[in-house]
Amino acid sequence: MAAHASRRTLGQLLQQGWNEIPEVLASSGLAIFGLGLGTYACYDYVKKDGDNRRYKHVYVIMRPDDPRVAKIRKD
């Protein structure tokens, strides 16, 4: 009987898991979706230079020839 159990497909295992422990499978799916969404949000934040805030808690002094000066917002 053990050899038969090891020949199950992924779909059969998911179906059995959904019948036996639906809370675990549903929360795992939501967790994977949340991780993907968080990864995309962090990537988009870095891509759009999200740390470029007009008002900061700490003053930053930059030289005029610093390449970051061109990115400062004029809000």
Protein backbone atom coordinates (compact mmCIF):
# COMPACT_ATOMS: atom_id res chain seq x y z
CA MET A 1 0.00 0.00 0.00
CA ALA A 2 2.95 2.34 0.59
CA ALA A 3 4.06 2.00 -3.04
CA HIS A 4 0.61 3.05 -4.21
CA ALA A 5 0.61 6.11 -1.96
CA SER A 6 3.92 7.32 -3.37
CA ARG A 7 2.55 7.30 -6.92
CA ARG A 8 0.03 10.04 -6.29
CA THR A 9 0.01 13.11 -8.45
CA LEU A 10 0.32 16.63 -7.09
CA GLY A 11 -3.35 17.28 -7.82
CA GLN A 12 -4.39 14.25 -5.77
CA LEU A 13 -2.22 15.37 -2.85
CA LEU A 14 -3.68 18.87 -2.96
CA GLN A 15 -7.20 17.47 -3.07
CA GLN A 16 -6.52 15.20 -0.10
CA GLY A 17 -4.90 18.06 1.78
CA TRP A 18 -7.87 20.33 1.08
CA ASN A 19 -10.21 17.66 2.44
CA GLU A 20 -8.13 17.02 5.57
CA ILE A 21 -6.57 20.40 6.48
CA PRO A 22 -8.20 23.22 4.49
CA GLU A 23 -7.07 25.92 6.95
CA VAL A 24 -3.40 25.12 6.40
CA LEU A 25 -3.68 25.03 2.62
CA ALA A 26 -5.73 28.23 2.41
CA SER A 27 -3.43 30.16 4.74
CA SER A 28 -0.36 28.85 2.90
CA GLY A 29 -1.80 30.07 -0.39
CA LEU A 30 -2.52 33.50 1.08
CA ALA A 31 0.97 33.64 2.59
CA ILE A 32 2.61 32.86 -0.75
CA PHE A 33 0.43 35.51 -2.44
CA GLY A 34 1.37 38.05 0.25
CA LEU A 35 5.08 37.32 -0.14
CA GLY A 36 4.82 37.82 -3.89
CA LEU A 37 2.92 41.08 -3.45
CA GLY A 38 5.44 42.32 -0.87
CA THR A 39 8.36 41.43 -3.12
CA TYR A 40 6.80 43.34 -6.01
CA ALA A 41 6.09 46.34 -3.78
CA CYS A 42 9.70 46.46 -2.54
CA TYR A 43 11.01 46.15 -6.10
CA ASP A 44 8.72 48.98 -7.26
CA TYR A 45 9.76 51.15 -4.29
CA VAL A 46 13.44 50.80 -5.15
CA LYS A 47 12.82 51.19 -8.88
CA LYS A 48 10.96 54.50 -8.41
CA ASP A 49 13.54 55.83 -5.90
CA GLY A 50 11.04 55.69 -3.03
CA ASP A 51 13.53 56.90 -0.42
CA ASN A 52 13.70 60.32 -2.08
CA ARG A 53 11.55 62.24 0.41
CA ARG A 54 11.32 66.00 0.61
CA TYR A 55 11.09 66.08 4.40
CA LYS A 56 13.45 63.79 6.29
CA HIS A 57 14.02 63.29 9.99
CA VAL A 58 17.76 63.85 9.60
CA TYR A 59 19.34 66.58 7.51
CA VAL A 60 21.52 65.38 4.65
CA ILE A 61 24.14 67.65 3.16
CA MET A 62 25.13 66.93 -0.44
CA ARG A 63 27.71 68.51 -2.68
CA PRO A 64 26.40 70.10 -5.89
CA ASP A 65 28.27 67.56 -8.05
CA ASP A 66 26.66 64.57 -6.28
CA PRO A 67 24.49 62.57 -8.76
CA ARG A 68 21.73 62.28 -6.15
CA VAL A 69 21.17 66.05 -6.31
CA ALA A 70 19.53 65.72 -9.73
CA LYS A 71 16.91 63.36 -8.26
CA ILE A 72 15.77 65.68 -5.45
CA ARG A 73 12.11 66.46 -5.77
CA LYS A 74 10.97 70.05 -6.01
CA ASP A 75 7.55 69.44 -4.40
